[in-house]
N, C-alpha and C. Protein backbone atom coordinates (compact mmCIF):
# COMPACT_ATOMS: atom_id res chain seq x y z
N MET A 1 80.00 -119.92 -28.38
CA MET A 1 79.65 -119.94 -29.79
C MET A 1 80.93 -120.11 -30.61
N GLN A 2 80.85 -120.96 -31.62
CA GLN A 2 81.99 -121.18 -32.49
C GLN A 2 81.50 -121.27 -33.93
N ILE A 3 82.20 -120.58 -34.81
CA ILE A 3 81.94 -120.67 -36.24
C ILE A 3 83.27 -121.03 -36.89
N ASP A 4 83.30 -122.17 -37.53
CA ASP A 4 84.52 -122.60 -38.21
C ASP A 4 84.21 -122.70 -39.70
N PHE A 5 84.64 -121.68 -40.45
CA PHE A 5 84.33 -121.65 -41.88
C PHE A 5 85.01 -122.78 -42.64
N ALA A 6 86.12 -123.31 -42.11
CA ALA A 6 86.80 -124.43 -42.77
C ALA A 6 85.97 -125.70 -42.67
N LYS A 7 85.38 -125.95 -41.51
CA LYS A 7 84.57 -127.16 -41.32
C LYS A 7 83.16 -127.01 -41.86
N ASN A 8 82.66 -125.77 -41.87
CA ASN A 8 81.29 -125.49 -42.32
C ASN A 8 81.32 -124.37 -43.36
N PRO A 9 81.68 -124.68 -44.61
CA PRO A 9 81.80 -123.62 -45.62
C PRO A 9 80.46 -123.00 -46.04
N ILE A 10 79.38 -123.67 -45.72
CA ILE A 10 78.04 -123.13 -45.96
C ILE A 10 77.25 -123.33 -44.67
N GLY A 11 76.61 -122.26 -44.19
CA GLY A 11 75.85 -122.40 -42.96
C GLY A 11 75.08 -121.15 -42.63
N SER A 12 74.41 -121.18 -41.49
CA SER A 12 73.67 -120.01 -41.03
C SER A 12 73.43 -120.13 -39.53
N LEU A 13 73.11 -118.99 -38.95
CA LEU A 13 72.72 -118.95 -37.55
C LEU A 13 71.81 -117.76 -37.34
N GLU A 14 71.02 -117.84 -36.29
CA GLU A 14 70.16 -116.72 -35.89
C GLU A 14 70.72 -116.12 -34.62
N PHE A 15 70.59 -114.80 -34.51
CA PHE A 15 71.06 -114.14 -33.30
C PHE A 15 70.24 -112.88 -33.06
N GLY A 16 70.22 -112.47 -31.80
CA GLY A 16 69.57 -111.23 -31.43
C GLY A 16 70.59 -110.10 -31.50
N LEU A 17 70.10 -108.88 -31.65
CA LEU A 17 71.02 -107.75 -31.73
C LEU A 17 71.85 -107.61 -30.45
N ASP A 18 71.33 -108.13 -29.35
CA ASP A 18 72.10 -108.10 -28.10
C ASP A 18 73.27 -109.09 -28.13
N GLU A 19 73.32 -109.96 -29.12
CA GLU A 19 74.41 -110.94 -29.27
C GLU A 19 75.40 -110.56 -30.37
N ILE A 20 75.25 -109.38 -30.97
CA ILE A 20 76.06 -109.04 -32.13
C ILE A 20 77.55 -108.97 -31.80
N LYS A 21 77.91 -108.53 -30.61
CA LYS A 21 79.33 -108.48 -30.24
C LYS A 21 79.94 -109.87 -30.23
N GLN A 22 79.24 -110.81 -29.65
CA GLN A 22 79.74 -112.19 -29.58
C GLN A 22 79.82 -112.80 -30.99
N VAL A 23 78.78 -112.61 -31.79
CA VAL A 23 78.76 -113.19 -33.13
C VAL A 23 79.86 -112.58 -33.99
N SER A 24 80.00 -111.26 -33.97
CA SER A 24 81.02 -110.62 -34.81
C SER A 24 82.43 -110.98 -34.36
N ALA A 25 82.67 -111.08 -33.05
CA ALA A 25 83.99 -111.49 -32.56
C ALA A 25 84.31 -112.92 -33.00
N THR A 26 83.31 -113.79 -32.97
CA THR A 26 83.50 -115.18 -33.40
C THR A 26 83.78 -115.24 -34.90
N VAL A 27 83.02 -114.48 -35.68
CA VAL A 27 83.26 -114.43 -37.12
C VAL A 27 84.65 -113.86 -37.38
N GLY A 28 85.01 -112.79 -36.68
CA GLY A 28 86.32 -112.17 -36.87
C GLY A 28 87.46 -113.12 -36.59
N ALA A 29 87.35 -113.90 -35.52
CA ALA A 29 88.39 -114.88 -35.19
C ALA A 29 88.50 -115.94 -36.28
N SER A 30 87.37 -116.37 -36.83
CA SER A 30 87.39 -117.38 -37.89
C SER A 30 87.94 -116.80 -39.20
N LEU A 31 87.66 -115.52 -39.47
CA LEU A 31 88.23 -114.88 -40.67
C LEU A 31 89.76 -114.89 -40.58
N VAL A 32 90.28 -114.53 -39.42
CA VAL A 32 91.73 -114.49 -39.22
C VAL A 32 92.31 -115.89 -39.32
N GLU A 33 91.71 -116.82 -38.59
CA GLU A 33 92.21 -118.20 -38.55
C GLU A 33 92.22 -118.85 -39.93
N ASN A 34 91.18 -118.61 -40.71
CA ASN A 34 91.05 -119.25 -42.02
C ASN A 34 91.58 -118.40 -43.18
N LYS A 35 92.13 -117.23 -42.84
CA LYS A 35 92.71 -116.32 -43.84
C LYS A 35 91.71 -115.98 -44.96
N LEU A 36 90.49 -115.70 -44.55
CA LEU A 36 89.44 -115.27 -45.47
C LEU A 36 89.45 -113.75 -45.47
N ARG A 37 90.18 -113.17 -46.40
CA ARG A 37 90.44 -111.73 -46.32
C ARG A 37 89.48 -110.87 -47.14
N PHE A 38 88.82 -111.43 -48.14
CA PHE A 38 87.93 -110.64 -48.98
C PHE A 38 86.50 -111.11 -48.73
N VAL A 39 85.74 -110.30 -47.97
CA VAL A 39 84.43 -110.69 -47.45
C VAL A 39 83.34 -109.80 -48.02
N GLY A 40 82.33 -110.42 -48.63
CA GLY A 40 81.16 -109.69 -49.10
C GLY A 40 80.09 -109.67 -48.04
N LEU A 41 79.39 -108.55 -47.93
CA LEU A 41 78.31 -108.38 -46.95
C LEU A 41 77.03 -108.05 -47.72
N LYS A 42 76.12 -108.99 -47.73
CA LYS A 42 74.89 -108.85 -48.51
C LYS A 42 73.69 -108.71 -47.58
N GLY A 43 72.76 -107.86 -47.97
CA GLY A 43 71.53 -107.70 -47.19
C GLY A 43 70.83 -106.42 -47.60
N ASP A 44 69.54 -106.37 -47.38
CA ASP A 44 68.76 -105.17 -47.70
C ASP A 44 69.22 -103.99 -46.84
N LEU A 45 68.77 -102.81 -47.21
CA LEU A 45 69.01 -101.64 -46.37
C LEU A 45 68.47 -101.91 -44.97
N GLY A 46 69.23 -101.59 -43.97
CA GLY A 46 68.80 -101.79 -42.60
C GLY A 46 68.95 -103.21 -42.09
N ALA A 47 69.59 -104.08 -42.86
CA ALA A 47 69.73 -105.48 -42.44
C ALA A 47 70.76 -105.66 -41.34
N GLY A 48 71.63 -104.67 -41.14
CA GLY A 48 72.61 -104.77 -40.07
C GLY A 48 74.05 -104.93 -40.52
N LYS A 49 74.31 -104.71 -41.81
CA LYS A 49 75.67 -104.90 -42.34
C LYS A 49 76.68 -103.98 -41.66
N THR A 50 76.41 -102.69 -41.65
CA THR A 50 77.34 -101.72 -41.07
C THR A 50 77.43 -101.89 -39.55
N THR A 51 76.34 -102.19 -38.91
CA THR A 51 76.36 -102.44 -37.46
C THR A 51 77.25 -103.63 -37.15
N PHE A 52 77.13 -104.67 -37.96
CA PHE A 52 77.96 -105.87 -37.78
C PHE A 52 79.43 -105.53 -38.00
N VAL A 53 79.73 -104.78 -39.06
CA VAL A 53 81.12 -104.40 -39.33
C VAL A 53 81.68 -103.58 -38.16
N GLY A 54 80.89 -102.66 -37.64
CA GLY A 54 81.35 -101.87 -36.50
C GLY A 54 81.74 -102.74 -35.32
N SER A 55 80.92 -103.72 -35.03
CA SER A 55 81.20 -104.63 -33.93
C SER A 55 82.42 -105.51 -34.25
N LEU A 56 82.53 -105.95 -35.48
CA LEU A 56 83.68 -106.74 -35.91
C LEU A 56 84.98 -105.95 -35.77
N LEU A 57 84.97 -104.70 -36.25
CA LEU A 57 86.17 -103.86 -36.16
C LEU A 57 86.56 -103.63 -34.69
N LYS A 58 85.58 -103.45 -33.84
CA LYS A 58 85.87 -103.26 -32.41
C LYS A 58 86.46 -104.52 -31.80
N SER A 59 86.05 -105.69 -32.28
CA SER A 59 86.65 -106.94 -31.79
C SER A 59 88.10 -107.07 -32.24
N TRP A 60 88.46 -106.36 -33.30
CA TRP A 60 89.83 -106.37 -33.82
C TRP A 60 90.65 -105.19 -33.28
N GLY A 61 90.09 -104.44 -32.33
CA GLY A 61 90.86 -103.40 -31.68
C GLY A 61 90.50 -101.97 -32.00
N PHE A 62 89.47 -101.73 -32.80
CA PHE A 62 89.04 -100.35 -33.07
C PHE A 62 88.49 -99.76 -31.78
N ASP A 63 88.76 -98.50 -31.54
CA ASP A 63 88.34 -97.80 -30.33
C ASP A 63 86.82 -97.90 -30.17
N SER A 64 86.38 -98.57 -29.13
CA SER A 64 84.94 -98.81 -28.94
C SER A 64 84.16 -97.54 -28.60
N SER A 65 84.85 -96.45 -28.28
CA SER A 65 84.14 -95.21 -28.00
C SER A 65 83.84 -94.42 -29.27
N LEU A 66 84.41 -94.85 -30.39
CA LEU A 66 84.20 -94.15 -31.66
C LEU A 66 83.15 -94.85 -32.51
N PRO A 67 82.36 -94.08 -33.26
CA PRO A 67 81.39 -94.71 -34.16
C PRO A 67 82.09 -95.26 -35.40
N VAL A 68 81.48 -96.24 -36.01
CA VAL A 68 81.95 -96.78 -37.29
C VAL A 68 80.94 -96.32 -38.33
N PRO A 69 81.33 -95.34 -39.16
CA PRO A 69 80.38 -94.81 -40.14
C PRO A 69 80.17 -95.74 -41.32
N SER A 70 79.02 -95.62 -41.92
CA SER A 70 78.76 -96.35 -43.15
C SER A 70 79.64 -95.75 -44.25
N PRO A 71 80.20 -96.59 -45.12
CA PRO A 71 80.99 -96.06 -46.22
C PRO A 71 80.15 -95.67 -47.44
N THR A 72 78.85 -95.45 -47.25
CA THR A 72 77.96 -95.15 -48.36
C THR A 72 78.43 -93.96 -49.20
N PHE A 73 78.86 -92.88 -48.55
CA PHE A 73 79.23 -91.68 -49.30
C PHE A 73 80.72 -91.62 -49.63
N THR A 74 81.56 -92.18 -48.77
CA THR A 74 83.01 -92.17 -49.03
C THR A 74 83.42 -93.35 -49.90
N CYS A 75 82.60 -94.36 -50.00
CA CYS A 75 82.82 -95.62 -50.71
C CYS A 75 83.83 -96.53 -49.99
N VAL A 76 84.84 -95.95 -49.31
CA VAL A 76 85.82 -96.77 -48.58
C VAL A 76 86.17 -96.07 -47.27
N GLN A 77 86.14 -96.82 -46.20
CA GLN A 77 86.67 -96.39 -44.90
C GLN A 77 87.85 -97.31 -44.60
N GLU A 78 88.99 -96.74 -44.23
CA GLU A 78 90.17 -97.55 -43.94
C GLU A 78 90.49 -97.48 -42.45
N TYR A 79 90.96 -98.61 -41.91
CA TYR A 79 91.28 -98.73 -40.49
C TYR A 79 92.61 -99.47 -40.33
N GLU A 80 93.43 -99.01 -39.39
CA GLU A 80 94.64 -99.72 -38.98
C GLU A 80 94.33 -100.40 -37.66
N LEU A 81 94.33 -101.72 -37.66
CA LEU A 81 93.94 -102.48 -36.48
C LEU A 81 94.98 -103.54 -36.16
N LYS A 82 94.79 -104.25 -35.07
CA LYS A 82 95.77 -105.26 -34.67
C LYS A 82 95.87 -106.41 -35.69
N VAL A 83 94.85 -106.60 -36.53
CA VAL A 83 94.91 -107.64 -37.56
C VAL A 83 95.53 -107.11 -38.86
N GLY A 84 95.84 -105.82 -38.91
CA GLY A 84 96.39 -105.18 -40.10
C GLY A 84 95.43 -104.14 -40.65
N ALA A 85 95.71 -103.69 -41.84
CA ALA A 85 94.86 -102.68 -42.50
C ALA A 85 93.56 -103.34 -42.96
N VAL A 86 92.44 -102.65 -42.70
CA VAL A 86 91.12 -103.16 -43.07
C VAL A 86 90.40 -102.08 -43.88
N ALA A 87 89.82 -102.48 -45.01
CA ALA A 87 89.00 -101.58 -45.82
C ALA A 87 87.54 -102.00 -45.69
N HIS A 88 86.67 -101.04 -45.37
CA HIS A 88 85.23 -101.27 -45.34
C HIS A 88 84.65 -100.50 -46.52
N CYS A 89 84.14 -101.22 -47.50
CA CYS A 89 83.72 -100.62 -48.78
C CYS A 89 82.21 -100.75 -48.98
N ASP A 90 81.68 -99.82 -49.75
CA ASP A 90 80.27 -99.86 -50.15
C ASP A 90 80.24 -99.70 -51.66
N PHE A 91 79.83 -100.74 -52.36
CA PHE A 91 79.84 -100.72 -53.82
C PHE A 91 78.46 -100.48 -54.43
N TYR A 92 77.53 -99.96 -53.63
CA TYR A 92 76.17 -99.75 -54.11
C TYR A 92 76.13 -98.82 -55.32
N ARG A 93 76.90 -97.73 -55.29
CA ARG A 93 76.85 -96.73 -56.36
C ARG A 93 78.01 -96.86 -57.35
N ILE A 94 78.76 -97.94 -57.28
CA ILE A 94 79.95 -98.11 -58.12
C ILE A 94 79.57 -98.92 -59.36
N ASP A 95 79.89 -98.38 -60.53
CA ASP A 95 79.55 -99.06 -61.78
C ASP A 95 80.34 -100.35 -61.99
N ASN A 96 81.63 -100.32 -61.65
CA ASN A 96 82.48 -101.48 -61.89
C ASN A 96 83.25 -101.82 -60.61
N PRO A 97 82.61 -102.51 -59.65
CA PRO A 97 83.28 -102.79 -58.39
C PRO A 97 84.50 -103.69 -58.52
N VAL A 98 84.54 -104.54 -59.55
CA VAL A 98 85.71 -105.40 -59.73
C VAL A 98 86.93 -104.54 -60.03
N LEU A 99 86.80 -103.59 -60.96
CA LEU A 99 87.90 -102.69 -61.28
C LEU A 99 88.26 -101.82 -60.08
N GLU A 100 87.25 -101.29 -59.40
CA GLU A 100 87.50 -100.45 -58.21
C GLU A 100 88.25 -101.23 -57.14
N THR A 101 87.88 -102.50 -56.96
CA THR A 101 88.56 -103.33 -55.97
C THR A 101 90.01 -103.55 -56.35
N GLN A 102 90.26 -103.83 -57.62
CA GLN A 102 91.65 -104.03 -58.08
C GLN A 102 92.47 -102.77 -57.86
N GLU A 103 91.90 -101.61 -58.15
CA GLU A 103 92.61 -100.35 -57.93
C GLU A 103 92.84 -100.10 -56.45
N LEU A 104 91.86 -100.41 -55.62
CA LEU A 104 92.00 -100.26 -54.18
C LEU A 104 93.14 -101.13 -53.66
N LEU A 105 93.16 -102.37 -54.10
CA LEU A 105 94.19 -103.30 -53.63
C LEU A 105 95.56 -102.98 -54.23
N ASP A 106 95.59 -102.35 -55.39
CA ASP A 106 96.86 -101.94 -55.98
C ASP A 106 97.51 -100.82 -55.19
N HIS A 107 96.70 -99.97 -54.58
CA HIS A 107 97.26 -98.81 -53.89
C HIS A 107 97.68 -99.11 -52.46
N ARG A 108 97.19 -100.21 -51.91
CA ARG A 108 97.54 -100.53 -50.52
C ARG A 108 97.30 -102.00 -50.25
N GLU A 109 98.14 -102.56 -49.40
CA GLU A 109 97.98 -103.95 -48.98
C GLU A 109 97.01 -104.00 -47.80
N PHE A 110 95.89 -104.65 -47.97
CA PHE A 110 94.90 -104.78 -46.91
C PHE A 110 94.91 -106.21 -46.38
N ALA A 111 94.83 -106.33 -45.07
CA ALA A 111 94.69 -107.65 -44.46
C ALA A 111 93.28 -108.18 -44.73
N PHE A 112 92.28 -107.26 -44.68
CA PHE A 112 90.89 -107.64 -44.92
C PHE A 112 90.18 -106.54 -45.68
N VAL A 113 89.29 -106.97 -46.58
CA VAL A 113 88.40 -106.06 -47.30
C VAL A 113 86.98 -106.54 -47.01
N LEU A 114 86.16 -105.66 -46.44
CA LEU A 114 84.78 -105.95 -46.10
C LEU A 114 83.91 -105.14 -47.05
N ALA A 115 83.25 -105.82 -47.98
CA ALA A 115 82.57 -105.15 -49.09
C ALA A 115 81.05 -105.30 -49.01
N GLU A 116 80.36 -104.16 -48.77
CA GLU A 116 78.90 -104.16 -48.82
C GLU A 116 78.44 -104.06 -50.27
N TRP A 117 77.29 -104.63 -50.58
CA TRP A 117 76.69 -104.67 -51.92
C TRP A 117 77.66 -105.34 -52.91
N PRO A 118 77.99 -106.62 -52.65
CA PRO A 118 79.04 -107.29 -53.43
C PRO A 118 78.58 -108.09 -54.64
N LYS A 119 77.36 -107.85 -55.16
CA LYS A 119 76.80 -108.71 -56.20
C LYS A 119 77.77 -108.97 -57.35
N GLN A 120 78.34 -107.91 -57.92
CA GLN A 120 79.24 -108.11 -59.06
C GLN A 120 80.54 -108.81 -58.65
N LEU A 121 80.97 -108.61 -57.42
CA LEU A 121 82.16 -109.28 -56.93
C LEU A 121 81.92 -110.78 -56.78
N VAL A 122 80.72 -111.15 -56.35
CA VAL A 122 80.35 -112.57 -56.27
C VAL A 122 80.37 -113.17 -57.67
N GLU A 123 79.72 -112.49 -58.61
CA GLU A 123 79.65 -112.99 -59.99
C GLU A 123 81.02 -113.13 -60.63
N ALA A 124 81.95 -112.25 -60.26
CA ALA A 124 83.31 -112.28 -60.83
C ALA A 124 84.24 -113.24 -60.08
N GLY A 125 83.75 -113.86 -59.02
CA GLY A 125 84.57 -114.80 -58.26
C GLY A 125 85.66 -114.14 -57.44
N GLU A 126 85.42 -112.92 -56.99
CA GLU A 126 86.44 -112.15 -56.26
C GLU A 126 86.44 -112.39 -54.76
N LEU A 127 85.39 -112.98 -54.22
CA LEU A 127 85.26 -113.09 -52.76
C LEU A 127 85.80 -114.40 -52.21
N ASP A 128 86.30 -114.33 -50.97
CA ASP A 128 86.64 -115.53 -50.21
C ASP A 128 85.43 -116.04 -49.45
N LEU A 129 84.57 -115.10 -49.02
CA LEU A 129 83.43 -115.43 -48.18
C LEU A 129 82.31 -114.44 -48.43
N LEU A 130 81.09 -114.93 -48.45
CA LEU A 130 79.90 -114.08 -48.53
C LEU A 130 79.10 -114.26 -47.25
N LEU A 131 78.84 -113.14 -46.56
CA LEU A 131 77.95 -113.13 -45.40
C LEU A 131 76.66 -112.44 -45.81
N GLU A 132 75.53 -113.09 -45.55
CA GLU A 132 74.24 -112.50 -45.91
C GLU A 132 73.41 -112.29 -44.65
N PHE A 133 72.87 -111.08 -44.52
CA PHE A 133 72.09 -110.68 -43.35
C PHE A 133 70.62 -110.54 -43.74
N ALA A 134 69.74 -111.09 -42.91
CA ALA A 134 68.31 -111.00 -43.18
C ALA A 134 67.57 -111.01 -41.85
N PRO A 135 66.35 -110.44 -41.83
CA PRO A 135 65.54 -110.53 -40.62
C PRO A 135 65.23 -112.00 -40.30
N ALA A 136 65.07 -112.30 -39.03
CA ALA A 136 64.72 -113.66 -38.61
C ALA A 136 63.60 -113.57 -37.59
N GLY A 137 62.94 -114.66 -37.40
CA GLY A 137 61.87 -114.69 -36.40
C GLY A 137 60.58 -114.11 -36.94
N LYS A 138 59.69 -113.78 -36.03
CA LYS A 138 58.39 -113.22 -36.41
C LYS A 138 58.55 -111.76 -36.84
N ALA A 139 57.59 -111.29 -37.59
CA ALA A 139 57.64 -109.90 -38.08
C ALA A 139 57.71 -108.90 -36.92
N SER A 140 57.19 -109.27 -35.78
CA SER A 140 57.21 -108.37 -34.63
C SER A 140 58.55 -108.37 -33.89
N GLU A 141 59.45 -109.27 -34.25
CA GLU A 141 60.76 -109.38 -33.60
C GLU A 141 61.82 -108.69 -34.45
N PHE A 142 61.89 -107.37 -34.33
CA PHE A 142 62.81 -106.59 -35.16
C PHE A 142 64.27 -106.78 -34.76
N ASP A 143 64.51 -107.37 -33.60
CA ASP A 143 65.89 -107.48 -33.12
C ASP A 143 66.54 -108.82 -33.45
N ARG A 144 65.92 -109.66 -34.26
CA ARG A 144 66.50 -110.96 -34.63
C ARG A 144 67.04 -110.90 -36.06
N ARG A 145 68.20 -111.50 -36.26
CA ARG A 145 68.82 -111.55 -37.59
C ARG A 145 69.24 -112.98 -37.90
N ARG A 146 69.26 -113.28 -39.20
CA ARG A 146 69.83 -114.53 -39.68
C ARG A 146 71.09 -114.17 -40.44
N LEU A 147 72.18 -114.81 -40.08
CA LEU A 147 73.45 -114.66 -40.77
C LEU A 147 73.73 -115.96 -41.50
N SER A 148 73.80 -115.88 -42.83
CA SER A 148 74.14 -117.04 -43.66
C SER A 148 75.50 -116.80 -44.27
N TRP A 149 76.23 -117.87 -44.53
CA TRP A 149 77.54 -117.69 -45.14
C TRP A 149 77.84 -118.77 -46.17
N GLN A 150 78.73 -118.39 -47.07
CA GLN A 150 79.25 -119.32 -48.08
C GLN A 150 80.71 -118.98 -48.32
N VAL A 151 81.58 -119.97 -48.16
CA VAL A 151 83.00 -119.81 -48.41
C VAL A 151 83.27 -120.16 -49.88
N PHE A 152 84.08 -119.34 -50.54
CA PHE A 152 84.40 -119.58 -51.95
C PHE A 152 85.84 -120.05 -52.15
N SER A 153 86.71 -119.83 -51.18
CA SER A 153 88.11 -120.20 -51.43
C SER A 153 88.50 -121.44 -50.65
């Protein structure tokens, strides 16, 4: 599997939850290669955003025996990985995510920022890439997802 955001700035693919490690590692390699550091993660509750981030972080060297918690209550989880510092953010309850992002980036240099609930960040033109997660397949196939993307930079 190969995803090249430079050659395909808009696209989508379907995958099963049993393929999430491969898909997230492929996405992670393309993020690094294309220097897409500010990534929005869009999808309904339970769409797989945090699960995907957990798998992505593990592909970048996060200890696979540790869980990757949702940043819902902390708003930001920070990780030191082989690709550099990574922030996993949840802007669902944040009134002004653009200002919060600027303050976050002012306090520390991050190699990557992975932002859940990025609607206002998309509108403000702050993202390099938007990944959108949605169910795929028949209603009875709960383990299928569609990943769509759009590159902005």
